[in-house]
Amino acid sequence: MKSNMCNMERIVRAVIGIVLIGATLSGTIGIWGWLGLVLLATAAFSFCPLYAMLGIDTCKACSGGKPIN
């Protein structure tokens, strides 16, 4: 898998994922909060399958068009 997310997006996804999971565990929101696991997984692998299907690559947007290794 080639990375298709920049580091800033990974951080945002991880934070939102943790907040959603925490809200679900505390009973604040319902079962939909478990979608935070998807956000955490995509942040951990730096790969979003939906982005791959749509041809989106935010690595290029964050680096000014230069590939990130």
C-alpha atoms as a PDB file:
ATOM      1  CA  MET A   1       0.000   0.000   0.000  1.00  0.00           C
ATOM      2  CA  LYS A   2       1.273   3.410  -0.940  1.00  0.00           C
ATOM      3  CA  SER A   3       0.589   6.188   1.531  1.00  0.00           C
ATOM      4  CA  ASN A   4      -2.119   8.585   0.342  1.00  0.00           C
ATOM      5  CA  MET A   5      -2.483  10.822   3.425  1.00  0.00           C
ATOM      6  CA  CYS A   6      -0.248  13.582   4.754  1.00  0.00           C
ATOM      7  CA  ASN A   7       0.873  13.603   8.381  1.00  0.00           C
ATOM      8  CA  MET A   8      -1.458  16.439   9.401  1.00  0.00           C
ATOM      9  CA  GLU A   9      -4.462  14.498   8.126  1.00  0.00           C
ATOM     10  CA  ARG A  10      -3.285  11.407   9.989  1.00  0.00           C
ATOM     11  CA  ILE A  11      -3.124  13.379  13.234  1.00  0.00           C
ATOM     12  CA  VAL A  12      -6.588  14.866  12.726  1.00  0.00           C
ATOM     13  CA  ARG A  13      -8.082  11.457  11.901  1.00  0.00           C
ATOM     14  CA  ALA A  14      -6.482   9.877  14.964  1.00  0.00           C
ATOM     15  CA  VAL A  15      -7.725  12.607  17.307  1.00  0.00           C
ATOM     16  CA  ILE A  16     -11.272  12.492  15.921  1.00  0.00           C
ATOM     17  CA  GLY A  17     -11.225   8.692  16.092  1.00  0.00           C
ATOM     18  CA  ILE A  18     -10.157   8.706  19.740  1.00  0.00           C
ATOM     19  CA  VAL A  19     -12.822  11.301  20.601  1.00  0.00           C
ATOM     20  CA  LEU A  20     -15.534   9.259  18.876  1.00  0.00           C
ATOM     21  CA  ILE A  21     -14.518   6.045  20.620  1.00  0.00           C
ATOM     22  CA  GLY A  22     -14.310   7.810  23.976  1.00  0.00           C
ATOM     23  CA  ALA A  23     -17.759   9.343  23.492  1.00  0.00           C
ATOM     24  CA  THR A  24     -19.165   5.931  22.634  1.00  0.00           C
ATOM     25  CA  LEU A  25     -17.607   4.272  25.674  1.00  0.00           C
ATOM     26  CA  SER A  26     -18.944   7.013  27.949  1.00  0.00           C
ATOM     27  CA  GLY A  27     -22.443   6.646  26.505  1.00  0.00           C
ATOM     28  CA  THR A  28     -22.549  10.172  25.066  1.00  0.00           C
ATOM     29  CA  ILE A  29     -23.191   8.962  21.533  1.00  0.00           C
ATOM     30  CA  GLY A  30     -24.532   5.718  20.198  1.00  0.00           C
ATOM     31  CA  ILE A  31     -23.003   2.859  18.299  1.00  0.00           C
ATOM     32  CA  TRP A  32     -22.023   5.132  15.403  1.00  0.00           C
ATOM     33  CA  GLY A  33     -19.068   6.313  17.452  1.00  0.00           C
ATOM     34  CA  TRP A  34     -17.339   3.011  16.733  1.00  0.00           C
ATOM     35  CA  LEU A  35     -16.641   4.438  13.275  1.00  0.00           C
ATOM     36  CA  GLY A  36     -13.750   6.061  15.092  1.00  0.00           C
ATOM     37  CA  LEU A  37     -11.982   2.707  14.729  1.00  0.00           C
ATOM     38  CA  VAL A  38     -11.959   3.220  10.956  1.00  0.00           C
ATOM     39  CA  LEU A  39     -10.401   6.651  11.401  1.00  0.00           C
ATOM     40  CA  LEU A  40      -7.753   5.233  13.736  1.00  0.00           C
ATOM     41  CA  ALA A  41      -6.937   2.399  11.329  1.00  0.00           C
ATOM     42  CA  THR A  42      -6.577   4.693   8.326  1.00  0.00           C
ATOM     43  CA  ALA A  43      -4.396   7.036  10.384  1.00  0.00           C
ATOM     44  CA  ALA A  44      -2.213   4.150  11.571  1.00  0.00           C
ATOM     45  CA  PHE A  45      -1.649   2.790   8.063  1.00  0.00           C
ATOM     46  CA  SER A  46      -1.526   6.235   6.395  1.00  0.00           C
ATOM     47  CA  PHE A  47      -3.799   4.792   3.731  1.00  0.00           C
ATOM     48  CA  CYS A  48      -7.462   5.471   2.978  1.00  0.00           C
ATOM     49  CA  PRO A  49      -9.131   2.941   0.644  1.00  0.00           C
ATOM     50  CA  LEU A  50     -11.795   5.473  -0.354  1.00  0.00           C
ATOM     51  CA  TYR A  51      -9.096   7.967  -1.369  1.00  0.00           C
ATOM     52  CA  ALA A  52      -7.447   5.222  -3.448  1.00  0.00           C
ATOM     53  CA  MET A  53     -10.718   4.484  -5.278  1.00  0.00           C
ATOM     54  CA  LEU A  54     -11.292   8.184  -5.958  1.00  0.00           C
ATOM     55  CA  GLY A  55      -7.672   8.896  -6.909  1.00  0.00           C
ATOM     56  CA  ILE A  56      -7.124  11.374  -4.052  1.00  0.00           C
ATOM     57  CA  ASP A  57      -3.628  11.805  -2.613  1.00  0.00           C
ATOM     58  CA  THR A  58      -3.248  14.422   0.116  1.00  0.00           C
ATOM     59  CA  CYS A  59       0.502  13.758   0.415  1.00  0.00           C
ATOM     60  CA  LYS A  60       1.031  15.868  -2.676  1.00  0.00           C
ATOM     61  CA  ALA A  61      -1.163  18.659  -1.306  1.00  0.00           C
ATOM     62  CA  CYS A  62       0.827  18.880   1.950  1.00  0.00           C
ATOM     63  CA  SER A  63       4.259  18.709   0.356  1.00  0.00           C
ATOM     64  CA  GLY A  64       3.673  21.167  -2.470  1.00  0.00           C
ATOM     65  CA  GLY A  65       3.557  18.424  -5.090  1.00  0.00           C
ATOM     66  CA  LYS A  66       6.761  16.710  -3.960  1.00  0.00           C
ATOM     67  CA  PRO A  67       6.458  13.017  -3.055  1.00  0.00           C
ATOM     68  CA  ILE A  68       7.016  12.120   0.603  1.00  0.00           C
ATOM     69  CA  ASN A  69       9.047   8.993   1.398  1.00  0.00           C
END
